[in-house]
Amino acid sequence: MKDWAGRIESRNYGIKRRTDRRHMKDMLACTAPALLLACSFGFYAWVRCSIVDLGYQEQYLSSREKLLLRDQTHLILEEQTLKRPERIETIAQKDLGMVRMRTRQLMPVSLHEADLGGPATYALVTAPSTPDPGKPLATN
């Protein structure tokens, strides 16, 4: 730098850079409230977004619950329809070729056989066309 008035060139070799504590305190006093205000706005925005997100989740879950309850009522109705005795009887007769039992087709179990506790065996019994009442039914 030159002093043009006195034609003396002066240099600033003696000037050193240092931070003034008073200016730092002023700067901190100005920026701290702004920083606190910015943090509080950020926190408010986060809370608000969380509330909106929870609202959307609640709306989705309530609509899902309504759909599941409707599906449950449909399934209960379908179950009751499938369990209907008339339907089961129709399927048994038409698809499986089953017929209703006649009263003479039943085989009474004696108390002696039931008390033994032996293995249970099941067999198909074909009843004779006219069984004798005194003669026991034969099993295969």
N, C-alpha and C. Protein backbone atom coordinates (compact mmCIF):
# COMPACT_ATOMS: atom_id res chain seq x y z
N MET A 1 0.84 -1.16 0.00
CA MET A 1 0.00 0.00 0.00
C MET A 1 0.90 1.25 0.00
N LYS A 2 0.45 2.22 -0.71
CA LYS A 2 1.26 3.45 -0.81
C LYS A 2 0.52 4.62 -0.21
N ASP A 3 1.26 5.43 0.43
CA ASP A 3 0.70 6.68 0.91
C ASP A 3 0.97 7.71 -0.17
N TRP A 4 0.02 8.04 -0.94
CA TRP A 4 0.23 8.92 -2.09
C TRP A 4 0.46 10.36 -1.67
N ALA A 5 0.00 10.67 -0.51
CA ALA A 5 0.22 12.06 -0.08
C ALA A 5 1.68 12.28 0.28
N GLY A 6 2.26 11.35 0.98
CA GLY A 6 3.64 11.54 1.41
C GLY A 6 4.59 10.66 0.63
N ARG A 7 4.16 9.98 -0.33
CA ARG A 7 4.94 9.09 -1.16
C ARG A 7 5.74 8.10 -0.33
N ILE A 8 5.16 7.67 0.76
CA ILE A 8 5.84 6.68 1.57
C ILE A 8 5.04 5.38 1.46
N GLU A 9 5.76 4.40 1.16
CA GLU A 9 5.11 3.11 1.02
C GLU A 9 5.06 2.46 2.41
N SER A 10 3.88 2.14 2.85
CA SER A 10 3.75 1.50 4.16
C SER A 10 3.22 0.09 3.96
N ARG A 11 3.79 -0.77 4.70
CA ARG A 11 3.38 -2.17 4.62
C ARG A 11 2.79 -2.56 5.95
N ASN A 12 1.86 -3.49 5.88
CA ASN A 12 1.16 -3.94 7.09
C ASN A 12 1.74 -5.25 7.59
N TYR A 13 3.02 -5.28 7.81
CA TYR A 13 3.64 -6.51 8.30
C TYR A 13 3.30 -6.78 9.76
N GLY A 14 3.01 -5.79 10.50
CA GLY A 14 2.75 -5.94 11.92
C GLY A 14 1.32 -6.34 12.26
N ILE A 15 0.43 -6.34 11.28
CA ILE A 15 -0.97 -6.69 11.55
C ILE A 15 -1.10 -8.21 11.56
N LYS A 16 -1.70 -8.69 12.61
CA LYS A 16 -1.91 -10.13 12.75
C LYS A 16 -3.40 -10.40 12.90
N ARG A 17 -3.77 -11.52 12.39
CA ARG A 17 -5.17 -11.91 12.42
C ARG A 17 -5.48 -12.56 13.76
N ARG A 18 -6.51 -12.08 14.44
CA ARG A 18 -6.96 -12.70 15.68
C ARG A 18 -8.45 -12.42 15.85
N THR A 19 -9.09 -13.28 16.61
CA THR A 19 -10.53 -13.18 16.80
C THR A 19 -10.80 -12.36 18.05
N ASP A 20 -11.69 -11.43 17.88
CA ASP A 20 -12.07 -10.60 19.01
C ASP A 20 -13.19 -11.30 19.77
N ARG A 21 -12.99 -11.51 21.05
CA ARG A 21 -13.97 -12.23 21.86
C ARG A 21 -15.29 -11.46 21.97
N ARG A 22 -15.24 -10.21 21.99
CA ARG A 22 -16.45 -9.40 22.10
C ARG A 22 -17.32 -9.58 20.86
N HIS A 23 -16.70 -9.61 19.70
CA HIS A 23 -17.46 -9.82 18.46
C HIS A 23 -18.02 -11.24 18.40
N MET A 24 -17.26 -12.19 18.93
CA MET A 24 -17.76 -13.57 18.96
C MET A 24 -19.01 -13.69 19.84
N LYS A 25 -18.99 -12.99 20.99
CA LYS A 25 -20.15 -13.01 21.87
C LYS A 25 -21.35 -12.36 21.19
N ASP A 26 -21.14 -11.30 20.48
CA ASP A 26 -22.24 -10.63 19.75
C ASP A 26 -22.79 -11.55 18.65
N MET A 27 -21.87 -12.18 17.93
CA MET A 27 -22.30 -13.08 16.86
C MET A 27 -23.09 -14.27 17.44
N LEU A 28 -22.62 -14.82 18.56
CA LEU A 28 -23.32 -15.92 19.20
C LEU A 28 -24.69 -15.47 19.72
N ALA A 29 -24.76 -14.26 20.27
CA ALA A 29 -26.03 -13.73 20.77
C ALA A 29 -27.03 -13.52 19.63
N CYS A 30 -26.54 -13.25 18.44
CA CYS A 30 -27.45 -13.06 17.30
C CYS A 30 -27.85 -14.38 16.66
N THR A 31 -26.93 -15.31 16.57
CA THR A 31 -27.23 -16.56 15.86
C THR A 31 -27.91 -17.61 16.73
N ALA A 32 -27.71 -17.57 18.03
CA ALA A 32 -28.31 -18.59 18.90
C ALA A 32 -29.84 -18.57 18.84
N PRO A 33 -30.51 -17.41 18.96
CA PRO A 33 -31.97 -17.42 18.85
C PRO A 33 -32.45 -17.90 17.48
N ALA A 34 -31.74 -17.49 16.42
CA ALA A 34 -32.14 -17.94 15.08
C ALA A 34 -31.97 -19.44 14.94
N LEU A 35 -30.88 -19.97 15.50
CA LEU A 35 -30.66 -21.41 15.47
C LEU A 35 -31.71 -22.16 16.28
N LEU A 36 -32.06 -21.62 17.45
CA LEU A 36 -33.10 -22.23 18.28
C LEU A 36 -34.45 -22.19 17.58
N LEU A 37 -34.76 -21.10 16.92
CA LEU A 37 -36.01 -20.98 16.18
C LEU A 37 -36.05 -21.97 15.02
N ALA A 38 -34.94 -22.12 14.31
CA ALA A 38 -34.87 -23.07 13.19
C ALA A 38 -35.04 -24.51 13.69
N CYS A 39 -34.42 -24.83 14.83
CA CYS A 39 -34.57 -26.19 15.39
C CYS A 39 -36.00 -26.45 15.82
N SER A 40 -36.65 -25.45 16.43
CA SER A 40 -38.04 -25.65 16.85
C SER A 40 -38.97 -25.80 15.65
N PHE A 41 -38.73 -25.07 14.56
CA PHE A 41 -39.52 -25.25 13.35
C PHE A 41 -39.30 -26.64 12.75
N GLY A 42 -38.06 -27.07 12.76
CA GLY A 42 -37.77 -28.42 12.26
C GLY A 42 -38.46 -29.50 13.09
N PHE A 43 -38.44 -29.35 14.42
CA PHE A 43 -39.12 -30.31 15.29
C PHE A 43 -40.62 -30.29 15.05
N TYR A 44 -41.19 -29.09 14.91
CA TYR A 44 -42.63 -28.99 14.63
C TYR A 44 -42.97 -29.67 13.31
N ALA A 45 -42.16 -29.46 12.28
CA ALA A 45 -42.42 -30.09 10.98
C ALA A 45 -42.33 -31.61 11.09
N TRP A 46 -41.36 -32.11 11.84
CA TRP A 46 -41.23 -33.56 12.02
C TRP A 46 -42.44 -34.14 12.74
N VAL A 47 -42.89 -33.46 13.81
CA VAL A 47 -44.07 -33.93 14.55
C VAL A 47 -45.30 -33.90 13.66
N ARG A 48 -45.45 -32.84 12.90
CA ARG A 48 -46.62 -32.71 12.02
C ARG A 48 -46.61 -33.81 10.95
N CYS A 49 -45.47 -34.07 10.36
CA CYS A 49 -45.37 -35.13 9.35
C CYS A 49 -45.66 -36.50 9.97
N SER A 50 -45.22 -36.71 11.20
CA SER A 50 -45.50 -37.98 11.88
C SER A 50 -46.99 -38.14 12.12
N ILE A 51 -47.66 -37.07 12.52
CA ILE A 51 -49.11 -37.13 12.76
C ILE A 51 -49.85 -37.41 11.46
N VAL A 52 -49.45 -36.75 10.38
CA VAL A 52 -50.10 -36.99 9.08
C VAL A 52 -49.86 -38.44 8.63
N ASP A 53 -48.64 -38.93 8.83
CA ASP A 53 -48.33 -40.32 8.47
C ASP A 53 -49.17 -41.30 9.28
N LEU A 54 -49.32 -41.05 10.58
CA LEU A 54 -50.17 -41.91 11.42
C LEU A 54 -51.62 -41.85 10.98
N GLY A 55 -52.06 -40.69 10.53
CA GLY A 55 -53.43 -40.56 10.02
C GLY A 55 -53.63 -41.42 8.77
N TYR A 56 -52.66 -41.39 7.86
CA TYR A 56 -52.75 -42.22 6.67
C TYR A 56 -52.72 -43.70 7.02
N GLN A 57 -51.87 -44.08 7.97
CA GLN A 57 -51.82 -45.48 8.40
C GLN A 57 -53.14 -45.92 9.02
N GLU A 58 -53.72 -45.07 9.84
CA GLU A 58 -55.01 -45.38 10.48
C GLU A 58 -56.10 -45.54 9.43
N GLN A 59 -56.11 -44.67 8.44
CA GLN A 59 -57.10 -44.75 7.37
C GLN A 59 -56.93 -46.05 6.58
N TYR A 60 -55.70 -46.42 6.27
CA TYR A 60 -55.43 -47.66 5.54
C TYR A 60 -55.86 -48.87 6.36
N LEU A 61 -55.50 -48.87 7.65
CA LEU A 61 -55.84 -50.02 8.49
C LEU A 61 -57.34 -50.14 8.71
N SER A 62 -58.05 -49.03 8.82
CA SER A 62 -59.50 -49.11 9.01
C SER A 62 -60.17 -49.63 7.73
N SER A 63 -59.69 -49.21 6.56
CA SER A 63 -60.27 -49.73 5.32
C SER A 63 -59.94 -51.21 5.17
N ARG A 64 -58.72 -51.60 5.57
CA ARG A 64 -58.33 -53.02 5.53
C ARG A 64 -59.20 -53.84 6.49
N GLU A 65 -59.49 -53.28 7.67
CA GLU A 65 -60.35 -53.97 8.63
C GLU A 65 -61.75 -54.17 8.06
N LYS A 66 -62.29 -53.15 7.39
CA LYS A 66 -63.61 -53.29 6.78
C LYS A 66 -63.60 -54.39 5.72
N LEU A 67 -62.54 -54.43 4.90
CA LEU A 67 -62.46 -55.48 3.89
C LEU A 67 -62.37 -56.87 4.52
N LEU A 68 -61.58 -56.99 5.58
CA LEU A 68 -61.43 -58.29 6.25
C LEU A 68 -62.73 -58.72 6.93
N LEU A 69 -63.46 -57.78 7.51
CA LEU A 69 -64.74 -58.12 8.13
C LEU A 69 -65.75 -58.56 7.07
N ARG A 70 -65.72 -57.88 5.91
CA ARG A 70 -66.62 -58.28 4.83
C ARG A 70 -66.26 -59.67 4.31
N ASP A 71 -64.95 -59.93 4.17
CA ASP A 71 -64.52 -61.26 3.75
C ASP A 71 -64.91 -62.32 4.78
N GLN A 72 -64.82 -61.96 6.07
CA GLN A 72 -65.19 -62.91 7.12
C GLN A 72 -66.67 -63.26 7.03
N THR A 73 -67.53 -62.26 6.81
CA THR A 73 -68.96 -62.56 6.70
C THR A 73 -69.24 -63.42 5.46
N HIS A 74 -68.52 -63.15 4.36
CA HIS A 74 -68.70 -63.99 3.16
C HIS A 74 -68.26 -65.42 3.43
N LEU A 75 -67.15 -65.59 4.14
CA LEU A 75 -66.66 -66.93 4.43
C LEU A 75 -67.59 -67.67 5.40
N ILE A 76 -68.14 -66.97 6.37
CA ILE A 76 -69.10 -67.60 7.28
C ILE A 76 -70.33 -68.04 6.51
N LEU A 77 -70.81 -67.20 5.61
CA LEU A 77 -71.97 -67.56 4.80
C LEU A 77 -71.66 -68.76 3.90
N GLU A 78 -70.48 -68.76 3.30
CA GLU A 78 -70.08 -69.88 2.45
C GLU A 78 -69.94 -71.16 3.26
N GLU A 79 -69.38 -71.05 4.46
CA GLU A 79 -69.24 -72.23 5.32
C GLU A 79 -70.61 -72.81 5.68
N GLN A 80 -71.55 -71.93 6.02
CA GLN A 80 -72.88 -72.41 6.37
C GLN A 80 -73.57 -73.04 5.16
N THR A 81 -73.32 -72.48 3.98
CA THR A 81 -73.89 -73.05 2.76
C THR A 81 -73.29 -74.43 2.48
N LEU A 82 -71.98 -74.56 2.66
CA LEU A 82 -71.34 -75.85 2.39
C LEU A 82 -71.69 -76.91 3.44
N LYS A 83 -72.01 -76.51 4.64
CA LYS A 83 -72.35 -77.45 5.70
C LYS A 83 -73.83 -77.88 5.68
N ARG A 84 -74.61 -77.32 4.78
CA ARG A 84 -76.03 -77.61 4.73
C ARG A 84 -76.26 -79.11 4.51
N PRO A 85 -77.05 -79.78 5.36
CA PRO A 85 -77.24 -81.23 5.25
C PRO A 85 -77.82 -81.66 3.90
N GLU A 86 -78.70 -80.88 3.34
CA GLU A 86 -79.30 -81.26 2.04
C GLU A 86 -78.23 -81.31 0.96
N ARG A 87 -77.31 -80.39 0.99
CA ARG A 87 -76.23 -80.37 0.00
C ARG A 87 -75.32 -81.58 0.18
N ILE A 88 -74.96 -81.88 1.43
CA ILE A 88 -74.09 -83.02 1.70
C ILE A 88 -74.77 -84.31 1.25
N GLU A 89 -76.06 -84.42 1.50
CA GLU A 89 -76.79 -85.63 1.09
C GLU A 89 -76.83 -85.76 -0.43
N THR A 90 -77.02 -84.64 -1.12
CA THR A 90 -77.05 -84.67 -2.59
C THR A 90 -75.70 -85.10 -3.14
N ILE A 91 -74.62 -84.58 -2.61
CA ILE A 91 -73.28 -84.95 -3.08
C ILE A 91 -73.01 -86.42 -2.78
N ALA A 92 -73.41 -86.87 -1.61
CA ALA A 92 -73.18 -88.27 -1.25
C ALA A 92 -73.93 -89.21 -2.19
N GLN A 93 -75.14 -88.85 -2.55
CA GLN A 93 -75.93 -89.73 -3.42
C GLN A 93 -75.48 -89.66 -4.87
N LYS A 94 -75.26 -88.46 -5.38
CA LYS A 94 -74.95 -88.32 -6.81
C LYS A 94 -73.48 -88.60 -7.13
N ASP A 95 -72.58 -87.96 -6.41
CA ASP A 95 -71.17 -88.07 -6.73
C ASP A 95 -70.52 -89.33 -6.17
N LEU A 96 -70.87 -89.69 -4.95
CA LEU A 96 -70.22 -90.83 -4.30
C LEU A 96 -71.01 -92.13 -4.42
N GLY A 97 -72.24 -92.07 -4.90
CA GLY A 97 -73.05 -93.27 -5.09
C GLY A 97 -73.51 -93.90 -3.78
N MET A 98 -73.63 -93.14 -2.75
CA MET A 98 -74.07 -93.67 -1.46
C MET A 98 -75.59 -93.69 -1.40
N VAL A 99 -76.12 -94.58 -0.60
CA VAL A 99 -77.58 -94.66 -0.40
C VAL A 99 -77.84 -94.60 1.10
N ARG A 100 -79.07 -94.27 1.42
CA ARG A 100 -79.45 -94.23 2.84
C ARG A 100 -79.48 -95.64 3.39
N MET A 101 -79.15 -95.76 4.66
CA MET A 101 -79.16 -97.08 5.31
C MET A 101 -80.60 -97.49 5.59
N ARG A 102 -80.81 -98.76 5.45
CA ARG A 102 -82.11 -99.32 5.82
C ARG A 102 -82.03 -99.74 7.29
N THR A 103 -83.14 -99.87 7.92
CA THR A 103 -83.13 -100.19 9.35
C THR A 103 -82.57 -101.58 9.62
N ARG A 104 -82.77 -102.51 8.72
CA ARG A 104 -82.27 -103.88 8.94
C ARG A 104 -80.79 -104.00 8.57
N GLN A 105 -80.24 -102.93 8.01
CA GLN A 105 -78.84 -102.96 7.61
C GLN A 105 -77.92 -102.67 8.80
N LEU A 106 -78.46 -102.16 9.89
CA LEU A 106 -77.65 -101.85 11.06
C LEU A 106 -77.24 -103.13 11.77
N MET A 107 -76.01 -103.13 12.26
CA MET A 107 -75.49 -104.28 13.00
C MET A 107 -75.37 -103.90 14.46
N PRO A 108 -76.13 -104.50 15.32
CA PRO A 108 -76.00 -104.17 16.74
C PRO A 108 -74.69 -104.73 17.29
N VAL A 109 -74.07 -104.00 18.17
CA VAL A 109 -72.82 -104.42 18.79
C VAL A 109 -73.16 -104.95 20.17
N SER A 110 -72.67 -106.15 20.45
CA SER A 110 -72.94 -106.71 21.76
C SER A 110 -72.05 -106.04 22.79
N LEU A 111 -72.48 -106.05 24.02
CA LEU A 111 -71.70 -105.43 25.09
C LEU A 111 -70.38 -106.14 25.30
N HIS A 112 -70.35 -107.44 25.06
CA HIS A 112 -69.12 -108.21 25.25
C HIS A 112 -68.03 -107.75 24.27
N GLU A 113 -68.39 -107.51 23.02
CA GLU A 113 -67.42 -107.06 22.02
C GLU A 113 -66.95 -105.63 22.30
N ALA A 114 -67.83 -104.80 22.80
CA ALA A 114 -67.49 -103.41 23.06
C ALA A 114 -66.57 -103.28 24.26
N ASP A 115 -66.69 -104.18 25.26
CA ASP A 115 -65.88 -104.08 26.47
C ASP A 115 -64.47 -104.63 26.31
N LEU A 116 -64.22 -105.43 25.29
CA LEU A 116 -62.91 -106.02 25.14
C LEU A 116 -61.82 -104.99 24.85
N GLY A 117 -62.18 -103.93 24.24
CA GLY A 117 -61.19 -102.89 23.95
C GLY A 117 -60.24 -103.29 22.85
N GLY A 118 -60.63 -104.22 22.01
CA GLY A 118 -59.79 -104.66 20.90
C GLY A 118 -59.74 -103.60 19.82
N PRO A 119 -58.96 -103.89 18.80
CA PRO A 119 -58.86 -102.91 17.72
C PRO A 119 -60.19 -102.80 16.98
N ALA A 120 -60.52 -101.62 16.63
CA ALA A 120 -61.77 -101.39 15.91
C ALA A 120 -61.55 -101.70 14.44
N THR A 121 -62.39 -102.53 13.88
CA THR A 121 -62.32 -102.86 12.46
C THR A 121 -63.61 -102.44 11.81
N TYR A 122 -63.47 -101.87 10.65
CA TYR A 122 -64.63 -101.40 9.91
C TYR A 122 -64.71 -102.18 8.61
N ALA A 123 -65.89 -102.55 8.23
CA ALA A 123 -66.08 -103.27 6.98
C ALA A 123 -67.41 -102.88 6.40
N LEU A 124 -67.50 -103.00 5.10
CA LEU A 124 -68.77 -102.75 4.43
C LEU A 124 -69.61 -104.02 4.53
N VAL A 125 -70.84 -103.84 4.88
CA VAL A 125 -71.72 -104.98 5.06
C VAL A 125 -72.79 -104.90 3.99
N THR A 126 -72.94 -105.97 3.27
CA THR A 126 -74.03 -106.04 2.32
C THR A 126 -75.12 -106.88 2.94
N ALA A 127 -76.25 -106.30 3.09
CA ALA A 127 -77.36 -106.99 3.74
C ALA A 127 -78.06 -107.89 2.73
N PRO A 128 -78.50 -109.07 3.17
CA PRO A 128 -79.27 -109.92 2.27
C PRO A 128 -80.62 -109.26 1.98
N SER A 129 -81.22 -109.68 0.91
CA SER A 129 -82.47 -109.03 0.52
C SER A 129 -83.56 -109.24 1.56
N THR A 130 -83.66 -110.44 2.14
CA THR A 130 -84.64 -110.67 3.22
C THR A 130 -83.93 -111.42 4.33
N PRO A 131 -83.39 -110.70 5.32
CA PRO A 131 -82.68 -111.39 6.39
C PRO A 131 -83.64 -112.06 7.37
N ASP A 132 -83.17 -113.15 7.94
CA ASP A 132 -83.95 -113.83 8.97
C ASP A 132 -83.73 -113.09 10.28
N PRO A 133 -84.78 -112.83 11.05
CA PRO A 133 -84.60 -112.10 12.29
C PRO A 133 -83.80 -112.89 13.32
N GLY A 134 -83.79 -114.18 13.32
CA GLY A 134 -83.06 -114.96 14.29
C GLY A 134 -81.63 -115.22 13.90
N LYS A 135 -81.32 -115.04 12.67
CA LYS A 135 -79.98 -115.35 12.17
C LYS A 135 -79.11 -114.09 12.16
N PRO A 136 -77.90 -114.12 12.75
CA PRO A 136 -77.05 -112.93 12.73
C PRO A 136 -76.55 -112.63 11.33
N LEU A 137 -76.26 -111.36 11.08
CA LEU A 137 -75.76 -110.95 9.77
C LEU A 137 -74.31 -111.36 9.61
N ALA A 138 -73.94 -111.83 8.44
CA ALA A 138 -72.56 -112.27 8.18
C ALA A 138 -71.72 -111.09 7.74
N THR A 139 -70.50 -111.04 8.21
CA THR A 139 -69.56 -110.01 7.77
C THR A 139 -68.46 -110.64 6.97
N ASN A 140 -67.92 -109.88 6.06
CA ASN A 140 -66.83 -110.37 5.21
C ASN A 140 -65.51 -110.00 5.77
